[in-house]
């Protein structure tokens, strides 16, 4: 399966960002990695926020039309896309996380966050 292969061959940038996103580490938000959405596979996806995070390498400068069509397709389904370059994630990790945090604050979800363990 292609998704499984993508999960085992993450780029360094994807691996670093996944470290910060996994297990609800980032603002308590559930992210999935290499998540299929229709005919596309999102690098990271939050269903609660209808948000795709894409981490782009240099090859994406050659496929801008494809990326724009993909973003438009996801947007037509009510899914937002945030894109970051590999070097941004690797060299400015905190700035990337801050951009993500600000986006989340501006786009709250109607789904309440789960209570911490032992409460509720």
PDB file of N, CA and C in Angstrom:
ATOM      1  N   UNK A   1       0.842  -1.189   0.000  1.00  0.00           N
ATOM      2  CA  UNK A   1       0.000   0.000   0.000  1.00  0.00           C
ATOM      3  C   UNK A   1       0.883   1.247   0.000  1.00  0.00           C
ATOM      4  N   UNK A   2       0.505   2.224  -0.779  1.00  0.00           N
ATOM      5  CA  UNK A   2       1.312   3.428  -0.951  1.00  0.00           C
ATOM      6  C   UNK A   2       1.438   4.242   0.337  1.00  0.00           C
ATOM      7  N   UNK A   3       0.355   4.326   1.126  1.00  0.00           N
ATOM      8  CA  UNK A   3       0.375   5.096   2.369  1.00  0.00           C
ATOM      9  C   UNK A   3       1.416   4.535   3.330  1.00  0.00           C
ATOM     10  N   UNK A   4       1.445   3.217   3.472  1.00  0.00           N
ATOM     11  CA  UNK A   4       2.412   2.579   4.371  1.00  0.00           C
ATOM     12  C   UNK A   4       3.842   2.875   3.920  1.00  0.00           C
ATOM     13  N   UNK A   5       4.078   2.829   2.615  1.00  0.00           N
ATOM     14  CA  UNK A   5       5.417   3.125   2.097  1.00  0.00           C
ATOM     15  C   UNK A   5       5.799   4.576   2.376  1.00  0.00           C
ATOM     16  N   UNK A   6       4.852   5.485   2.227  1.00  0.00           N
ATOM     17  CA  UNK A   6       5.136   6.896   2.501  1.00  0.00           C
ATOM     18  C   UNK A   6       5.458   7.129   3.976  1.00  0.00           C
ATOM     19  N   UNK A   7       4.782   6.400   4.849  1.00  0.00           N
ATOM     20  CA  UNK A   7       5.034   6.567   6.286  1.00  0.00           C
ATOM     21  C   UNK A   7       6.430   6.114   6.676  1.00  0.00           C
ATOM     22  N   UNK A   8       6.947   5.102   5.979  1.00  0.00           N
ATOM     23  CA  UNK A   8       8.279   4.598   6.322  1.00  0.00           C
ATOM     24  C   UNK A   8       9.394   5.364   5.619  1.00  0.00           C
ATOM     25  N   UNK A   9       9.022   6.221   4.669  1.00  0.00           N
ATOM     26  CA  UNK A   9      10.060   6.968   3.937  1.00  0.00           C
ATOM     27  C   UNK A   9       9.844   8.476   4.075  1.00  0.00           C
ATOM     28  N   UNK A  10       9.528   8.925   5.278  1.00  0.00           N
ATOM     29  CA  UNK A  10       9.327  10.348   5.511  1.00  0.00           C
ATOM     30  C   UNK A  10      10.612  11.129   5.276  1.00  0.00           C
ATOM     31  N   UNK A  11      10.442  12.372   4.854  1.00  0.00           N
ATOM     32  CA  UNK A  11      11.600  13.255   4.768  1.00  0.00           C
ATOM     33  C   UNK A  11      11.988  13.674   6.189  1.00  0.00           C
ATOM     34  N   UNK A  12      13.172  14.248   6.332  1.00  0.00           N
ATOM     35  CA  UNK A  12      13.592  14.736   7.644  1.00  0.00           C
ATOM     36  C   UNK A  12      12.621  15.794   8.160  1.00  0.00           C
ATOM     37  N   UNK A  13      12.143  16.652   7.258  1.00  0.00           N
ATOM     38  CA  UNK A  13      11.206  17.705   7.668  1.00  0.00           C
ATOM     39  C   UNK A  13       9.886  17.107   8.145  1.00  0.00           C
ATOM     40  N   UNK A  14       9.370  16.120   7.434  1.00  0.00           N
ATOM     41  CA  UNK A  14       8.125  15.464   7.851  1.00  0.00           C
ATOM     42  C   UNK A  14       8.307  14.772   9.193  1.00  0.00           C
ATOM     43  N   UNK A  15       9.428  14.119   9.361  1.00  0.00           N
ATOM     44  CA  UNK A  15       9.706  13.427  10.620  1.00  0.00           C
ATOM     45  C   UNK A  15       9.771  14.409  11.788  1.00  0.00           C
ATOM     46  N   UNK A  16      10.421  15.538  11.575  1.00  0.00           N
ATOM     47  CA  UNK A  16      10.530  16.550  12.620  1.00  0.00           C
ATOM     48  C   UNK A  16       9.151  17.124  12.972  1.00  0.00           C
ATOM     49  N   UNK A  17       8.371  17.466  11.957  1.00  0.00           N
ATOM     50  CA  UNK A  17       7.053  18.023  12.231  1.00  0.00           C
ATOM     51  C   UNK A  17       6.148  16.980  12.897  1.00  0.00           C
ATOM     52  N   UNK A  18       6.248  15.725  12.469  1.00  0.00           N
ATOM     53  CA  UNK A  18       5.448  14.665  13.073  1.00  0.00           C
ATOM     54  C   UNK A  18       5.774  14.516  14.557  1.00  0.00           C
ATOM     55  N   UNK A  19       7.028  14.704  14.924  1.00  0.00           N
ATOM     56  CA  UNK A  19       7.413  14.657  16.333  1.00  0.00           C
ATOM     57  C   UNK A  19       6.587  15.660  17.146  1.00  0.00           C
ATOM     58  N   UNK A  20       6.361  16.842  16.580  1.00  0.00           N
ATOM     59  CA  UNK A  20       5.624  17.895  17.293  1.00  0.00           C
ATOM     60  C   UNK A  20       4.109  17.700  17.226  1.00  0.00           C
ATOM     61  N   UNK A  21       3.620  16.990  16.213  1.00  0.00           N
ATOM     62  CA  UNK A  21       2.177  16.842  16.022  1.00  0.00           C
ATOM     63  C   UNK A  21       1.600  15.558  16.619  1.00  0.00           C
ATOM     64  N   UNK A  22       2.383  14.522  16.710  1.00  0.00           N
ATOM     65  CA  UNK A  22       1.861  13.204  17.089  1.00  0.00           C
ATOM     66  C   UNK A  22       1.349  13.183  18.524  1.00  0.00           C
ATOM     67  N   UNK A  23       0.459  12.255  18.772  1.00  0.00           N
ATOM     68  CA  UNK A  23      -0.107  12.046  20.115  1.00  0.00           C
ATOM     69  C   UNK A  23      -0.715  13.306  20.717  1.00  0.00           C
ATOM     70  N   UNK A  24      -1.296  14.142  19.866  1.00  0.00           N
ATOM     71  CA  UNK A  24      -1.961  15.382  20.319  1.00  0.00           C
ATOM     72  C   UNK A  24      -1.007  16.337  21.048  1.00  0.00           C
ATOM     73  N   UNK A  25       0.279  16.274  20.725  1.00  0.00           N
ATOM     74  CA  UNK A  25       1.264  17.148  21.388  1.00  0.00           C
ATOM     75  C   UNK A  25       1.053  18.615  21.066  1.00  0.00           C
ATOM     76  N   UNK A  26       0.501  18.894  19.904  1.00  0.00           N
ATOM     77  CA  UNK A  26       0.335  20.279  19.478  1.00  0.00           C
ATOM     78  C   UNK A  26      -1.095  20.731  19.750  1.00  0.00           C
ATOM     79  N   UNK A  27      -1.270  21.524  20.782  1.00  0.00           N
ATOM     80  CA  UNK A  27      -2.561  22.117  21.133  1.00  0.00           C
ATOM     81  C   UNK A  27      -3.668  21.079  21.337  1.00  0.00           C
ATOM     82  N   UNK A  28      -3.282  19.842  21.623  1.00  0.00           N
ATOM     83  CA  UNK A  28      -4.273  18.792  21.846  1.00  0.00           C
ATOM     84  C   UNK A  28      -4.989  18.340  20.585  1.00  0.00           C
ATOM     85  N   UNK A  29      -4.461  18.706  19.411  1.00  0.00           N
ATOM     86  CA  UNK A  29      -5.120  18.408  18.139  1.00  0.00           C
ATOM     87  C   UNK A  29      -4.672  17.047  17.614  1.00  0.00           C
ATOM     88  N   UNK A  30      -5.615  16.258  17.172  1.00  0.00           N
ATOM     89  CA  UNK A  30      -5.333  14.953  16.569  1.00  0.00           C
ATOM     90  C   UNK A  30      -4.948  15.164  15.112  1.00  0.00           C
ATOM     91  N   UNK A  31      -3.727  14.781  14.770  1.00  0.00           N
ATOM     92  CA  UNK A  31      -3.261  14.797  13.382  1.00  0.00           C
ATOM     93  C   UNK A  31      -2.994  13.364  12.939  1.00  0.00           C
ATOM     94  N   UNK A  32      -3.252  13.101  11.685  1.00  0.00           N
ATOM     95  CA  UNK A  32      -2.896  11.830  11.061  1.00  0.00           C
ATOM     96  C   UNK A  32      -1.834  12.134  10.014  1.00  0.00           C
ATOM     97  N   UNK A  33      -0.914  11.205   9.818  1.00  0.00           N
ATOM     98  CA  UNK A  33       0.105  11.433   8.791  1.00  0.00           C
ATOM     99  C   UNK A  33      -0.159  10.527   7.605  1.00  0.00           C
ATOM    100  N   UNK A  34       0.210  11.002   6.440  1.00  0.00           N
ATOM    101  CA  UNK A  34       0.007  10.295   5.177  1.00  0.00           C
ATOM    102  C   UNK A  34      -1.422   9.769   5.095  1.00  0.00           C
ATOM    103  N   UNK A  35      -2.356  10.689   5.237  1.00  0.00           N
ATOM    104  CA  UNK A  35      -3.773  10.342   5.295  1.00  0.00           C
ATOM    105  C   UNK A  35      -4.429  10.519   3.923  1.00  0.00           C
ATOM    106  N   UNK A  36      -5.057   9.443   3.401  1.00  0.00           N
ATOM    107  CA  UNK A  36      -5.729   9.559   2.103  1.00  0.00           C
ATOM    108  C   UNK A  36      -7.003  10.398   2.198  1.00  0.00           C
ATOM    109  N   UNK A  37      -7.159  11.309   1.255  1.00  0.00           N
ATOM    110  CA  UNK A  37      -8.385  12.097   1.107  1.00  0.00           C
ATOM    111  C   UNK A  37      -8.725  12.056  -0.377  1.00  0.00           C
ATOM    112  N   UNK A  38      -9.715  11.253  -0.712  1.00  0.00           N
ATOM    113  CA  UNK A  38     -10.036  11.069  -2.124  1.00  0.00           C
ATOM    114  C   UNK A  38      -8.848  10.470  -2.844  1.00  0.00           C
ATOM    115  N   UNK A  39      -8.449  11.103  -3.931  1.00  0.00           N
ATOM    116  CA  UNK A  39      -7.314  10.573  -4.704  1.00  0.00           C
ATOM    117  C   UNK A  39      -5.971  11.118  -4.241  1.00  0.00           C
ATOM    118  N   UNK A  40      -5.990  11.958  -3.211  1.00  0.00           N
ATOM    119  CA  UNK A  40      -4.767  12.565  -2.702  1.00  0.00           C
ATOM    120  C   UNK A  40      -4.360  11.942  -1.371  1.00  0.00           C
ATOM    121  N   UNK A  41      -3.081  12.097  -1.047  1.00  0.00           N
ATOM    122  CA  UNK A  41      -2.578  11.671   0.258  1.00  0.00           C
ATOM    123  C   UNK A  41      -1.959  12.905   0.912  1.00  0.00           C
ATOM    124  N   UNK A  42      -2.562  13.301   2.030  1.00  0.00           N
ATOM    125  CA  UNK A  42      -2.090  14.490   2.754  1.00  0.00           C
ATOM    126  C   UNK A  42      -0.910  14.109   3.633  1.00  0.00           C
ATOM    127  N   UNK A  43       0.098  14.963   3.689  1.00  0.00           N
ATOM    128  CA  UNK A  43       1.223  14.714   4.595  1.00  0.00           C
ATOM    129  C   UNK A  43       0.709  14.604   6.023  1.00  0.00           C
ATOM    130  N   UNK A  44      -0.104  15.594   6.444  1.00  0.00           N
ATOM    131  CA  UNK A  44      -0.708  15.589   7.778  1.00  0.00           C
ATOM    132  C   UNK A  44      -2.131  16.115   7.650  1.00  0.00           C
ATOM    133  N   UNK A  45      -3.041  15.536   8.442  1.00  0.00           N
ATOM    134  CA  UNK A  45      -4.453  15.921   8.341  1.00  0.00           C
ATOM    135  C   UNK A  45      -5.098  15.938   9.711  1.00  0.00           C
ATOM    136  N   UNK A  46      -5.829  17.007   9.994  1.00  0.00           N
ATOM    137  CA  UNK A  46      -6.654  17.106  11.187  1.00  0.00           C
ATOM    138  C   UNK A  46      -8.107  17.155  10.745  1.00  0.00           C
ATOM    139  N   UNK A  47      -8.854  16.090  11.053  1.00  0.00           N
ATOM    140  CA  UNK A  47     -10.271  16.036  10.687  1.00  0.00           C
ATOM    141  C   UNK A  47     -11.070  17.075  11.466  1.00  0.00           C
ATOM    142  N   UNK A  48     -10.738  17.269  12.730  1.00  0.00           N
ATOM    143  CA  UNK A  48     -11.479  18.226  13.555  1.00  0.00           C
ATOM    144  C   UNK A  48     -11.401  19.647  13.001  1.00  0.00           C
ATOM    145  N   UNK A  49     -10.270  19.991  12.419  1.00  0.00           N
ATOM    146  CA  UNK A  49     -10.081  21.336  11.880  1.00  0.00           C
ATOM    147  C   UNK A  49     -10.192  21.374  10.359  1.00  0.00           C
ATOM    148  N   UNK A  50     -10.450  20.214   9.740  1.00  0.00           N
ATOM    149  CA  UNK A  50     -10.512  20.149   8.278  1.00  0.00           C
ATOM    150  C   UNK A  50      -9.288  20.839   7.685  1.00  0.00           C
ATOM    151  N   UNK A  51      -8.109  20.386   8.148  1.00  0.00           N
ATOM    152  CA  UNK A  51      -6.856  21.044   7.798  1.00  0.00           C
ATOM    153  C   UNK A  51      -5.834  20.025   7.312  1.00  0.00           C
ATOM    154  N   UNK A  52      -5.242  20.325   6.168  1.00  0.00           N
ATOM    155  CA  UNK A  52      -4.142  19.551   5.607  1.00  0.00           C
ATOM    156  C   UNK A  52      -2.877  20.382   5.741  1.00  0.00           C
ATOM    157  N   UNK A  53      -1.807  19.743   6.209  1.00  0.00           N
ATOM    158  CA  UNK A  53      -0.484  20.355   6.222  1.00  0.00           C
ATOM    159  C   UNK A  53       0.358  19.648   5.179  1.00  0.00           C
ATOM    160  N   UNK A  54       0.929  20.398   4.278  1.00  0.00           N
ATOM    161  CA  UNK A  54       1.806  19.845   3.256  1.00  0.00           C
ATOM    162  C   UNK A  54       3.210  20.376   3.455  1.00  0.00           C
ATOM    163  N   UNK A  55       4.174  19.478   3.436  1.00  0.00           N
ATOM    164  CA  UNK A  55       5.579  19.829   3.572  1.00  0.00           C
ATOM    165  C   UNK A  55       6.211  19.572   2.210  1.00  0.00           C
ATOM    166  N   UNK A  56       6.607  20.643   1.548  1.00  0.00           N
ATOM    167  CA  UNK A  56       7.052  20.555   0.163  1.00  0.00           C
ATOM    168  C   UNK A  56       8.563  20.621   0.032  1.00  0.00           C
ATOM    169  N   UNK A  57       9.086  19.724  -0.788  1.00  0.00           N
ATOM    170  CA  UNK A  57      10.491  19.744  -1.159  1.00  0.00           C
ATOM    171  C   UNK A  57      10.672  20.505  -2.455  1.00  0.00           C
ATOM    172  N   UNK A  58      11.876  20.522  -2.950  1.00  0.00           N
ATOM    173  CA  UNK A  58      12.196  21.271  -4.164  1.00  0.00           C
ATOM    174  C   UNK A  58      11.412  20.850  -5.386  1.00  0.00           C
ATOM    175  N   UNK A  59      10.977  19.584  -5.451  1.00  0.00           N
ATOM    176  CA  UNK A  59      10.241  19.102  -6.618  1.00  0.00           C
ATOM    177  C   UNK A  59       8.915  19.844  -6.796  1.00  0.00           C
ATOM    178  N   UNK A  60       8.399  20.424  -5.729  1.00  0.00           N
ATOM    179  CA  UNK A  60       7.111  21.111  -5.822  1.00  0.00           C
ATOM    180  C   UNK A  60       7.191  22.405  -6.619  1.00  0.00           C
ATOM    181  N   UNK A  61       8.392  22.950  -6.771  1.00  0.00           N
ATOM    182  CA  UNK A  61       8.521  24.140  -7.610  1.00  0.00           C
ATOM    183  C   UNK A  61       8.282  23.781  -9.076  1.00  0.00           C
ATOM    184  N   UNK A  62       8.408  22.496  -9.408  1.00  0.00           N
ATOM    185  CA  UNK A  62       8.180  22.015 -10.771  1.00  0.00           C
ATOM    186  C   UNK A  62       6.733  21.590 -11.001  1.00  0.00           C
ATOM    187  N   UNK A  63       5.947  21.481  -9.937  1.00  0.00           N
ATOM    188  CA  UNK A  63       4.579  20.975 -10.081  1.00  0.00           C
ATOM    189  C   UNK A  63       3.559  21.905  -9.425  1.00  0.00           C
ATOM    190  N   UNK A  64       3.765  23.193  -9.609  1.00  0.00           N
ATOM    191  CA  UNK A  64       2.891  24.173  -8.972  1.00  0.00           C
ATOM    192  C   UNK A  64       1.446  24.059  -9.460  1.00  0.00           C
ATOM    193  N   UNK A  65       1.236  23.770 -10.722  1.00  0.00           N
ATOM    194  CA  UNK A  65      -0.130  23.650 -11.249  1.00  0.00           C
ATOM    195  C   UNK A  65      -0.850  22.479 -10.582  1.00  0.00           C
ATOM    196  N   UNK A  66      -0.147  21.362 -10.420  1.00  0.00           N
ATOM    197  CA  UNK A  66      -0.738  20.200  -9.737  1.00  0.00           C
ATOM    198  C   UNK A  66      -1.098  20.552  -8.301  1.00  0.00           C
ATOM    199  N   UNK A  67      -0.183  21.206  -7.598  1.00  0.00           N
ATOM    200  CA  UNK A  67      -0.430  21.580  -6.204  1.00  0.00           C
ATOM    201  C   UNK A  67      -1.622  22.531  -6.086  1.00  0.00           C
ATOM    202  N   UNK A  68      -1.743  23.471  -7.026  1.00  0.00           N
ATOM    203  CA  UNK A  68      -2.867  24.412  -6.996  1.00  0.00           C
ATOM    204  C   UNK A  68      -4.188  23.687  -7.253  1.00  0.00           C
ATOM    205  N   UNK A  69      -4.187  22.737  -8.178  1.00  0.00           N
ATOM    206  CA  UNK A  69      -5.403  21.961  -8.456  1.00  0.00           C
ATOM    207  C   UNK A  69      -5.778  21.111  -7.254  1.00  0.00           C
ATOM    208  N   UNK A  70      -4.784  20.537  -6.623  1.00  0.00           N
ATOM    209  CA  UNK A  70      -5.011  19.722  -5.430  1.00  0.00           C
ATOM    210  C   UNK A  70      -5.605  20.566  -4.306  1.00  0.00           C
ATOM    211  N   UNK A  71      -5.021  21.729  -4.063  1.00  0.00           N
ATOM    212  CA  UNK A  71      -5.523  22.633  -3.030  1.00  0.00           C
ATOM    213  C   UNK A  71      -6.956  23.047  -3.345  1.00  0.00           C
ATOM    214  N   UNK A  72      -7.246  23.366  -4.596  1.00  0.00           N
ATOM    215  CA  UNK A  72      -8.604  23.760  -4.994  1.00  0.00           C
ATOM    216  C   UNK A  72      -9.589  22.610  -4.780  1.00  0.00           C
ATOM    217  N   UNK A  73      -9.177  21.400  -5.106  1.00  0.00           N
ATOM    218  CA  UNK A  73     -10.041  20.233  -4.908  1.00  0.00           C
ATOM    219  C   UNK A  73     -10.352  20.035  -3.431  1.00  0.00           C
ATOM    220  N   UNK A  74      -9.332  20.121  -2.592  1.00  0.00           N
ATOM    221  CA  UNK A  74      -9.542  19.971  -1.151  1.00  0.00           C
ATOM    222  C   UNK A  74     -10.416  21.108  -0.618  1.00  0.00           C
ATOM    223  N   UNK A  75     -10.166  22.319  -1.100  1.00  0.00           N
ATOM    224  CA  UNK A  75     -10.940  23.478  -0.651  1.00  0.00           C
ATOM    225  C   UNK A  75     -12.415  23.314  -1.019  1.00  0.00           C
ATOM    226  N   UNK A  76     -12.695  22.712  -2.162  1.00  0.00           N
ATOM    227  CA  UNK A  76     -14.091  22.502  -2.565  1.00  0.00           C
ATOM    228  C   UNK A  76     -14.803  21.524  -1.632  1.00  0.00           C
ATOM    229  N   UNK A  77     -14.020  20.755  -0.872  1.00  0.00           N
ATOM    230  CA  UNK A  77     -14.573  19.827   0.117  1.00  0.00           C
ATOM    231  C   UNK A  77     -14.577  20.441   1.517  1.00  0.00           C
ATOM    232  N   UNK A  78     -14.215  21.723   1.606  1.00  0.00           N
ATOM    233  CA  UNK A  78     -14.187  22.407   2.889  1.00  0.00           C
ATOM    234  C   UNK A  78     -12.924  22.162   3.686  1.00  0.00           C
ATOM    235  N   UNK A  79     -11.876  21.680   3.020  1.00  0.00           N
ATOM    236  CA  UNK A  79     -10.605  21.371   3.675  1.00  0.00           C
ATOM    237  C   UNK A  79      -9.587  22.455   3.340  1.00  0.00           C
ATOM    238  N   UNK A  80      -8.990  23.029   4.361  1.00  0.00           N
ATOM    239  CA  UNK A  80      -7.967  24.056   4.200  1.00  0.00           C
ATOM    240  C   UNK A  80      -6.604  23.387   4.045  1.00  0.00           C
ATOM    241  N   UNK A  81      -5.703  24.046   3.338  1.00  0.00           N
ATOM    242  CA  UNK A  81      -4.345  23.534   3.155  1.00  0.00           C
ATOM    243  C   UNK A  81      -3.337  24.600   3.554  1.00  0.00           C
ATOM    244  N   UNK A  82      -2.404  24.213   4.420  1.00  0.00           N
ATOM    245  CA  UNK A  82      -1.254  25.058   4.743  1.00  0.00           C
ATOM    246  C   UNK A  82      -0.016  24.361   4.196  1.00  0.00           C
ATOM    247  N   UNK A  83       0.815  25.114   3.491  1.00  0.00           N
ATOM    248  CA  UNK A  83       2.027  24.556   2.891  1.00  0.00           C
ATOM    249  C   UNK A  83       3.264  25.195   3.503  1.00  0.00           C
ATOM    250  N   UNK A  84       4.243  24.356   3.751  1.00  0.00           N
ATOM    251  CA  UNK A  84       5.535  24.807   4.241  1.00  0.00           C
ATOM    252  C   UNK A  84       6.614  24.108   3.431  1.00  0.00           C
ATOM    253  N   UNK A  85       7.725  24.792   3.218  1.00  0.00           N
ATOM    254  CA  UNK A  85       8.867  24.185   2.549  1.00  0.00           C
ATOM    255  C   UNK A  85       9.660  23.356   3.560  1.00  0.00           C
ATOM    256  N   UNK A  86      10.320  22.310   3.066  1.00  0.00           N
ATOM    257  CA  UNK A  86      11.167  21.472   3.920  1.00  0.00           C
ATOM    258  C   UNK A  86      12.134  22.319   4.743  1.00  0.00           C
ATOM    259  N   UNK A  87      12.814  23.261   4.080  1.00  0.00           N
ATOM    260  CA  UNK A  87      13.830  24.052   4.796  1.00  0.00           C
ATOM    261  C   UNK A  87      13.204  24.918   5.882  1.00  0.00           C
ATOM    262  N   UNK A  88      11.952  25.347   5.696  1.00  0.00           N
ATOM    263  CA  UNK A  88      11.280  26.127   6.758  1.00  0.00           C
ATOM    264  C   UNK A  88      11.080  25.256   7.996  1.00  0.00           C
ATOM    265  N   UNK A  89      10.610  24.043   7.783  1.00  0.00           N
ATOM    266  CA  UNK A  89      10.361  23.139   8.911  1.00  0.00           C
ATOM    267  C   UNK A  89      11.669  22.802   9.616  1.00  0.00           C
ATOM    268  N   UNK A  90      12.712  22.557   8.850  1.00  0.00           N
ATOM    269  CA  UNK A  90      13.995  22.156   9.433  1.00  0.00           C
ATOM    270  C   UNK A  90      14.730  23.321  10.103  1.00  0.00           C
ATOM    271  N   UNK A  91      14.671  24.505   9.527  1.00  0.00           N
ATOM    272  CA  UNK A  91      15.468  25.628  10.024  1.00  0.00           C
ATOM    273  C   UNK A  91      14.681  26.608  10.887  1.00  0.00           C
ATOM    274  N   UNK A  92      13.359  26.598  10.756  1.00  0.00           N
ATOM    275  CA  UNK A  92      12.523  27.554  11.491  1.00  0.00           C
ATOM    276  C   UNK A  92      11.311  26.835  12.085  1.00  0.00           C
ATOM    277  N   UNK A  93      11.573  25.740  12.765  1.00  0.00           N
ATOM    278  CA  UNK A  93      10.497  24.889  13.275  1.00  0.00           C
ATOM    279  C   UNK A  93       9.520  25.664  14.146  1.00  0.00           C
ATOM    280  N   UNK A  94      10.028  26.451  15.063  1.00  0.00           N
ATOM    281  CA  UNK A  94       9.144  27.191  15.969  1.00  0.00           C
ATOM    282  C   UNK A  94       8.295  28.207  15.215  1.00  0.00           C
ATOM    283  N   UNK A  95       8.836  28.821  14.181  1.00  0.00           N
ATOM    284  CA  UNK A  95       8.066  29.773  13.378  1.00  0.00           C
ATOM    285  C   UNK A  95       6.946  29.058  12.622  1.00  0.00           C
ATOM    286  N   UNK A  96       7.219  27.863  12.114  1.00  0.00           N
ATOM    287  CA  UNK A  96       6.195  27.067  11.433  1.00  0.00           C
ATOM    288  C   UNK A  96       5.085  26.694  12.418  1.00  0.00           C
ATOM    289  N   UNK A  97       5.480  26.235  13.598  1.00  0.00           N
ATOM    290  CA  UNK A  97       4.491  25.865  14.613  1.00  0.00           C
ATOM    291  C   UNK A  97       3.670  27.080  15.051  1.00  0.00           C
ATOM    292  N   UNK A  98       4.296  28.243  15.099  1.00  0.00           N
ATOM    293  CA  UNK A  98       3.568  29.460  15.463  1.00  0.00           C
ATOM    294  C   UNK A  98       2.557  29.833  14.378  1.00  0.00           C
ATOM    295  N   UNK A  99       2.933  29.703  13.122  1.00  0.00           N
ATOM    296  CA  UNK A  99       1.985  29.959  12.038  1.00  0.00           C
ATOM    297  C   UNK A  99       0.800  29.009  12.131  1.00  0.00           C
ATOM    298  N   UNK A 100       1.073  27.763  12.433  1.00  0.00           N
ATOM    299  CA  UNK A 100       0.016  26.769  12.593  1.00  0.00           C
ATOM    300  C   UNK A 100      -0.864  27.126  13.791  1.00  0.00           C
ATOM    301  N   UNK A 101      -0.247  27.515  14.899  1.00  0.00           N
ATOM    302  CA  UNK A 101      -1.004  27.891  16.093  1.00  0.00           C
ATOM    303  C   UNK A 101      -1.937  29.062  15.804  1.00  0.00           C
ATOM    304  N   UNK A 102      -1.436  30.069  15.121  1.00  0.00           N
ATOM    305  CA  UNK A 102      -2.260  31.229  14.780  1.00  0.00           C
ATOM    306  C   UNK A 102      -3.415  30.841  13.867  1.00  0.00           C
ATOM    307  N   UNK A 103      -3.160  29.963  12.906  1.00  0.00           N
ATOM    308  CA  UNK A 103      -4.232  29.508  12.021  1.00  0.00           C
ATOM    309  C   UNK A 103      -5.315  28.804  12.836  1.00  0.00           C
ATOM    310  N   UNK A 104      -4.920  27.923  13.738  1.00  0.00           N
ATOM    311  CA  UNK A 104      -5.882  27.186  14.563  1.00  0.00           C
ATOM    312  C   UNK A 104      -6.706  28.152  15.407  1.00  0.00           C
ATOM    313  N   UNK A 105      -6.074  29.149  15.983  1.00  0.00           N
ATOM    314  CA  UNK A 105      -6.796  30.121  16.805  1.00  0.00           C
ATOM    315  C   UNK A 105      -7.810  30.923  15.978  1.00  0.00           C
ATOM    316  N   UNK A 106      -7.489  31.160  14.721  1.00  0.00           N
ATOM    317  CA  UNK A 106      -8.393  31.907  13.839  1.00  0.00           C
ATOM    318  C   UNK A 106      -9.485  31.037  13.231  1.00  0.00           C
ATOM    319  N   UNK A 107      -9.331  29.716  13.326  1.00  0.00           N
ATOM    320  CA  UNK A 107     -10.288  28.771  12.737  1.00  0.00           C
ATOM    321  C   UNK A 107     -10.665  27.714  13.777  1.00  0.00           C
ATOM    322  N   UNK A 108     -11.380  28.121  14.814  1.00  0.00           N
ATOM    323  CA  UNK A 108     -11.730  27.150  15.859  1.00  0.00           C
ATOM    324  C   UNK A 108     -12.672  26.083  15.319  1.00  0.00           C
ATOM    325  N   UNK A 109     -12.595  24.932  15.919  1.00  0.00           N
ATOM    326  CA  UNK A 109     -13.454  23.819  15.544  1.00  0.00           C
ATOM    327  C   UNK A 109     -14.677  23.785  16.449  1.00  0.00           C
ATOM    328  N   UNK A 110     -15.735  23.191  15.981  1.00  0.00           N
ATOM    329  CA  UNK A 110     -16.922  23.024  16.813  1.00  0.00           C
ATOM    330  C   UNK A 110     -16.828  21.767  17.661  1.00  0.00           C
ATOM    331  N   UNK A 111     -15.845  20.918  17.345  1.00  0.00           N
ATOM    332  CA  UNK A 111     -15.652  19.684  18.099  1.00  0.00           C
ATOM    333  C   UNK A 111     -14.849  19.995  19.355  1.00  0.00           C
ATOM    334  N   UNK A 112     -15.396  19.727  20.534  1.00  0.00           N
ATOM    335  CA  UNK A 112     -14.633  20.033  21.749  1.00  0.00           C
ATOM    336  C   UNK A 112     -13.440  19.097  21.894  1.00  0.00           C
ATOM    337  N   UNK A 113     -12.379  19.626  22.483  1.00  0.00           N
ATOM    338  CA  UNK A 113     -11.188  18.811  22.753  1.00  0.00           C
ATOM    339  C   UNK A 113     -11.534  17.812  23.861  1.00  0.00           C
ATOM    340  N   UNK A 114     -10.940  16.628  23.803  1.00  0.00           N
ATOM    341  CA  UNK A 114     -11.236  15.651  24.857  1.00  0.00           C
ATOM    342  C   UNK A 114     -10.701  16.132  26.210  1.00  0.00           C
ATOM    343  N   UNK A 115     -11.364  15.708  27.255  1.00  0.00           N
ATOM    344  CA  UNK A 115     -10.918  16.043  28.599  1.00  0.00           C
ATOM    345  C   UNK A 115      -9.632  15.295  28.921  1.00  0.00           C
ATOM    346  N   UNK A 116      -8.772  15.877  29.732  1.00  0.00           N
ATOM    347  CA  UNK A 116      -7.575  15.146  30.158  1.00  0.00           C
ATOM    348  C   UNK A 116      -7.956  13.870  30.884  1.00  0.00           C
ATOM    349  N   UNK A 117      -7.071  12.922  30.883  1.00  0.00           N
ATOM    350  CA  UNK A 117      -7.350  11.652  31.566  1.00  0.00           C
ATOM    351  C   UNK A 117      -7.705  11.892  33.023  1.00  0.00           C
ATOM    352  N   UNK A 118      -8.694  11.153  33.479  1.00  0.00           N
ATOM    353  CA  UNK A 118      -9.098  11.249  34.871  1.00  0.00           C
ATOM    354  C   UNK A 118     -10.163  12.314  35.112  1.00  0.00           C
ATOM    355  N   UNK A 119     -10.495  13.088  34.057  1.00  0.00           N
ATOM    356  CA  UNK A 119     -11.542  14.113  34.199  1.00  0.00           C
ATOM    357  C   UNK A 119     -12.685  13.742  33.285  1.00  0.00           C
ATOM    358  N   UNK A 120     -13.893  13.854  33.792  1.00  0.00           N
ATOM    359  CA  UNK A 120     -15.064  13.617  32.942  1.00  0.00           C
ATOM    360  C   UNK A 120     -15.604  12.286  32.990  1.00  0.00           C
TER     361      UNK A 120
END
